[in-house]
Structures are given as structure tokens and as C-alpha cells.
Protein backbone atom coordinates (compact mmCIF):
# COMPACT_ATOMS: atom_id res chain seq x y z
CA UNK A 1 -23.10 21.92 6.89
CA UNK A 2 -21.16 19.71 4.29
CA UNK A 3 -18.13 19.38 6.64
CA UNK A 4 -19.37 15.95 7.83
CA UNK A 5 -19.50 14.76 4.12
CA UNK A 6 -16.13 15.94 3.49
CA UNK A 7 -14.82 14.26 6.79
CA UNK A 8 -16.17 10.99 5.60
CA UNK A 9 -14.76 11.25 2.13
CA UNK A 10 -11.52 11.95 3.69
CA UNK A 11 -11.69 8.86 5.92
CA UNK A 12 -12.75 6.55 2.66
CA UNK A 13 -9.59 8.03 0.84
CA UNK A 14 -7.24 7.48 3.75
CA UNK A 15 -8.49 4.04 4.26
CA UNK A 16 -7.87 3.25 0.19
CA UNK A 17 -4.57 4.76 0.80
CA UNK A 18 -3.74 2.47 3.55
CA UNK A 19 -4.77 -0.65 1.47
CA UNK A 20 -2.85 0.30 -1.61
CA UNK A 21 0.09 0.88 0.65
CA UNK A 22 -0.16 -2.25 2.55
CA UNK A 23 -0.68 -3.83 -1.09
CA UNK A 24 2.49 -2.51 -2.43
CA UNK A 25 4.48 -3.10 0.31
CA UNK A 26 3.50 -6.62 0.09
CA UNK A 27 4.74 -6.88 -3.48
CA UNK A 28 7.92 -4.91 -2.72
CA UNK A 29 8.86 -7.46 -0.29
CA UNK A 30 8.04 -10.24 -2.29
CA UNK A 31 9.98 -8.52 -5.23
CA UNK A 32 13.03 -7.93 -3.05
CA UNK A 33 12.87 -11.68 -1.84
CA UNK A 34 12.93 -12.99 -5.42
CA UNK A 35 15.70 -10.35 -6.36
CA UNK A 36 17.76 -11.61 -3.29
CA UNK A 37 17.27 -15.00 -4.20
CA UNK A 38 18.37 -14.53 -7.61
CA UNK A 39 21.40 -12.59 -6.87
CA UNK A 40 22.52 -15.31 -4.48
CA UNK A 41 22.34 -17.99 -7.29
CA UNK A 42 24.77 -15.83 -8.95
């Protein structure tokens, strides 16, 4: 009986994970770009 609730919770968790992963990849890309531009100056 409680399976639908578990499935809903899993979907919410997966959605949050995707959001944090996307945000993290954006941060990493920005950091990489900044680091590369700093290295080019040197």
C-alpha cells in the first residue's frame, strides 16, 4: 500500500539530485573557465 508514496519520494529525490547536479556542473564550468583564463594570463 505504501509503495506509491515511496515512488513519489524517489521521484522528488531524483529531481533534486538532477537540479543540484546541473547547478554543480554550471559552477564547475565557470570555475574551469576562470582557471583557464588565469592560466592563459600567466
